C-alpha atoms as a PDB file:
ATOM      1  CA  UNK A   1      96.341  97.820 137.310  1.00  0.00           C
ATOM      2  CA  UNK A   2      99.785  98.132 135.790  1.00  0.00           C
ATOM      3  CA  UNK A   3     102.217 100.840 136.848  1.00  0.00           C
ATOM      4  CA  UNK A   4     102.350 103.892 134.648  1.00  0.00           C
ATOM      5  CA  UNK A   5     104.630 103.361 131.650  1.00  0.00           C
ATOM      6  CA  UNK A   6     104.456  99.569 131.838  1.00  0.00           C
ATOM      7  CA  UNK A   7     103.875  97.896 128.519  1.00  0.00           C
ATOM      8  CA  UNK A   8     101.855  94.782 127.889  1.00  0.00           C
ATOM      9  CA  UNK A   9     103.844  92.062 126.182  1.00  0.00           C
ATOM     10  CA  UNK A  10     102.549  89.713 123.541  1.00  0.00           C
ATOM     11  CA  UNK A  11     102.431  86.089 124.488  1.00  0.00           C
ATOM     12  CA  UNK A  12     105.451  84.071 123.416  1.00  0.00           C
ATOM     13  CA  UNK A  13     103.391  82.248 120.794  1.00  0.00           C
ATOM     14  CA  UNK A  14     102.403  85.508 119.036  1.00  0.00           C
ATOM     15  CA  UNK A  15     105.888  87.029 119.048  1.00  0.00           C
ATOM     16  CA  UNK A  16     107.851  83.950 117.984  1.00  0.00           C
ATOM     17  CA  UNK A  17     109.072  84.609 114.447  1.00  0.00           C
ATOM     18  CA  UNK A  18     108.078  82.210 111.721  1.00  0.00           C
ATOM     19  CA  UNK A  19     111.045  80.400 110.216  1.00  0.00           C
ATOM     20  CA  UNK A  20     111.199  81.840 106.696  1.00  0.00           C
ATOM     21  CA  UNK A  21     113.674  80.264 104.252  1.00  0.00           C
ATOM     22  CA  UNK A  22     116.608  82.463 103.192  1.00  0.00           C
ATOM     23  CA  UNK A  23     115.600  82.648  99.503  1.00  0.00           C
ATOM     24  CA  UNK A  24     112.021  83.524 100.457  1.00  0.00           C
ATOM     25  CA  UNK A  25     113.269  86.349 102.693  1.00  0.00           C
ATOM     26  CA  UNK A  26     115.266  87.764  99.781  1.00  0.00           C
ATOM     27  CA  UNK A  27     112.230  87.449  97.466  1.00  0.00           C
ATOM     28  CA  UNK A  28     109.917  89.234  99.903  1.00  0.00           C
ATOM     29  CA  UNK A  29     112.465  92.006 100.453  1.00  0.00           C
ATOM     30  CA  UNK A  30     112.898  92.445  96.702  1.00  0.00           C
ATOM     31  CA  UNK A  31     109.127  92.498  96.028  1.00  0.00           C
ATOM     32  CA  UNK A  32     107.819  94.596  98.937  1.00  0.00           C
ATOM     33  CA  UNK A  33     110.764  96.680 100.114  1.00  0.00           C
ATOM     34  CA  UNK A  34     111.249  98.390 103.471  1.00  0.00           C
ATOM     35  CA  UNK A  35     108.622 100.197 105.539  1.00  0.00           C
ATOM     36  CA  UNK A  36     111.022 103.061 106.249  1.00  0.00           C
ATOM     37  CA  UNK A  37     112.661 105.530 103.919  1.00  0.00           C
ATOM     38  CA  UNK A  38     116.169 104.533 102.930  1.00  0.00           C
ATOM     39  CA  UNK A  39     118.744 106.795 104.532  1.00  0.00           C
ATOM     40  CA  UNK A  40     121.699 108.361 102.715  1.00  0.00           C
ATOM     41  CA  UNK A  41     124.003 105.397 103.055  1.00  0.00           C
ATOM     42  CA  UNK A  42     125.956 103.238 100.687  1.00  0.00           C
ATOM     43  CA  UNK A  43     123.383 100.580  99.964  1.00  0.00           C
ATOM     44  CA  UNK A  44     124.091  96.953  99.346  1.00  0.00           C
ATOM     45  CA  UNK A  45     122.043  95.040  96.838  1.00  0.00           C
ATOM     46  CA  UNK A  46     120.045  92.208  98.395  1.00  0.00           C
ATOM     47  CA  UNK A  47     121.082  89.811  95.624  1.00  0.00           C
ATOM     48  CA  UNK A  48     124.797  90.237  96.246  1.00  0.00           C
ATOM     49  CA  UNK A  49     126.598  87.663  98.340  1.00  0.00           C
ATOM     50  CA  UNK A  50     125.024  88.769 101.618  1.00  0.00           C
ATOM     51  CA  UNK A  51     125.621  86.927 104.842  1.00  0.00           C
ATOM     52  CA  UNK A  52     122.520  85.013 105.975  1.00  0.00           C
ATOM     53  CA  UNK A  53     122.603  86.636 109.436  1.00  0.00           C
ATOM     54  CA  UNK A  54     122.717  90.097 107.865  1.00  0.00           C
ATOM     55  CA  UNK A  55     119.749  89.322 105.609  1.00  0.00           C
ATOM     56  CA  UNK A  56     117.839  87.859 108.560  1.00  0.00           C
ATOM     57  CA  UNK A  57     118.347  91.016 110.665  1.00  0.00           C
ATOM     58  CA  UNK A  58     117.385  93.286 107.781  1.00  0.00           C
ATOM     59  CA  UNK A  59     114.341  91.127 106.982  1.00  0.00           C
ATOM     60  CA  UNK A  60     112.908  91.430 110.489  1.00  0.00           C
ATOM     61  CA  UNK A  61     113.553  95.215 110.483  1.00  0.00           C
ATOM     62  CA  UNK A  62     111.688  95.512 107.182  1.00  0.00           C
ATOM     63  CA  UNK A  63     108.894  93.144 108.277  1.00  0.00           C
ATOM     64  CA  UNK A  64     108.455  93.796 112.023  1.00  0.00           C
ATOM     65  CA  UNK A  65     104.894  92.443 112.037  1.00  0.00           C
ATOM     66  CA  UNK A  66     105.480  89.632 109.544  1.00  0.00           C
ATOM     67  CA  UNK A  67     103.455  87.064 111.533  1.00  0.00           C
ATOM     68  CA  UNK A  68     100.372  89.293 111.469  1.00  0.00           C
ATOM     69  CA  UNK A  69     100.620  90.458 107.842  1.00  0.00           C
ATOM     70  CA  UNK A  70     101.668  87.352 105.881  1.00  0.00           C
ATOM     71  CA  UNK A  71     100.456  83.770 105.448  1.00  0.00           C
ATOM     72  CA  UNK A  72     102.113  80.782 103.832  1.00  0.00           C
ATOM     73  CA  UNK A  73     100.626  79.289 100.668  1.00  0.00           C
ATOM     74  CA  UNK A  74     100.458  75.537 100.030  1.00  0.00           C
ATOM     75  CA  UNK A  75     103.416  76.009  97.647  1.00  0.00           C
ATOM     76  CA  UNK A  76     105.613  77.379 100.453  1.00  0.00           C
ATOM     77  CA  UNK A  77     105.473  81.055  99.417  1.00  0.00           C
ATOM     78  CA  UNK A  78     104.419  83.804 101.779  1.00  0.00           C
ATOM     79  CA  UNK A  79     101.733  86.227 100.636  1.00  0.00           C
ATOM     80  CA  UNK A  80     100.153  89.255 102.331  1.00  0.00           C
ATOM     81  CA  UNK A  81      96.881  88.505 104.105  1.00  0.00           C
ATOM     82  CA  UNK A  82      95.368  91.726 102.751  1.00  0.00           C
ATOM     83  CA  UNK A  83      96.608  91.114  99.201  1.00  0.00           C
ATOM     84  CA  UNK A  84      99.583  92.257  97.157  1.00  0.00           C
ATOM     85  CA  UNK A  85      98.338  95.732  96.207  1.00  0.00           C
ATOM     86  CA  UNK A  86      97.196  96.582  99.732  1.00  0.00           C
ATOM     87  CA  UNK A  87     100.620  95.575 101.094  1.00  0.00           C
ATOM     88  CA  UNK A  88     102.355  97.701  98.444  1.00  0.00           C
ATOM     89  CA  UNK A  89     100.085 100.669  99.301  1.00  0.00           C
ATOM     90  CA  UNK A  90     100.705 100.187 103.043  1.00  0.00           C
ATOM     91  CA  UNK A  91     104.478 100.154 102.571  1.00  0.00           C
ATOM     92  CA  UNK A  92     104.382 103.200 100.299  1.00  0.00           C
ATOM     93  CA  UNK A  93     102.332 105.097 102.898  1.00  0.00           C
ATOM     94  CA  UNK A  94     104.745 104.066 105.683  1.00  0.00           C
ATOM     95  CA  UNK A  95     107.762 105.217 103.632  1.00  0.00           C
ATOM     96  CA  UNK A  96     106.041 108.541 102.883  1.00  0.00           C
ATOM     97  CA  UNK A  97     105.260 109.090 106.561  1.00  0.00           C
ATOM     98  CA  UNK A  98     108.846 108.203 107.529  1.00  0.00           C
ATOM     99  CA  UNK A  99     110.233 110.541 104.850  1.00  0.00           C
ATOM    100  CA  UNK A 100     108.165 113.440 106.214  1.00  0.00           C
ATOM    101  CA  UNK A 101     109.497 112.710 109.704  1.00  0.00           C
ATOM    102  CA  UNK A 102     113.069 112.491 108.385  1.00  0.00           C
ATOM    103  CA  UNK A 103     112.758 115.814 106.528  1.00  0.00           C
ATOM    104  CA  UNK A 104     111.384 117.459 109.675  1.00  0.00           C
ATOM    105  CA  UNK A 105     114.311 116.116 111.745  1.00  0.00           C
ATOM    106  CA  UNK A 106     116.834 117.335 109.193  1.00  0.00           C
ATOM    107  CA  UNK A 107     115.230 120.785 109.006  1.00  0.00           C
ATOM    108  CA  UNK A 108     115.056 121.083 112.796  1.00  0.00           C
ATOM    109  CA  UNK A 109     118.816 120.492 113.042  1.00  0.00           C
ATOM    110  CA  UNK A 110     119.615 123.414 110.768  1.00  0.00           C
END
């Protein structure tokens, strides 16, 4: 038995990120968007001259479970395993849940 509070880790094979080309990352971010509500910050457009490292970090924040949710097509594009509409619905539900949490946090501070 593991000590209380210990977490099981995924095997290295499961957690190793897939190497997604830069342009494909930008396309996926543009199509599917984040899973969290955007905060009140000055936003930068993804299509602007963004540094590749910055896009890479943002991509893996927006797609934390990318390996489990997306597959590569023979043409080199990544598509959701569950389908486009299901992925859009999932992300909308996650943003709604995050927004409710954010509103609660803001109201609790007042």
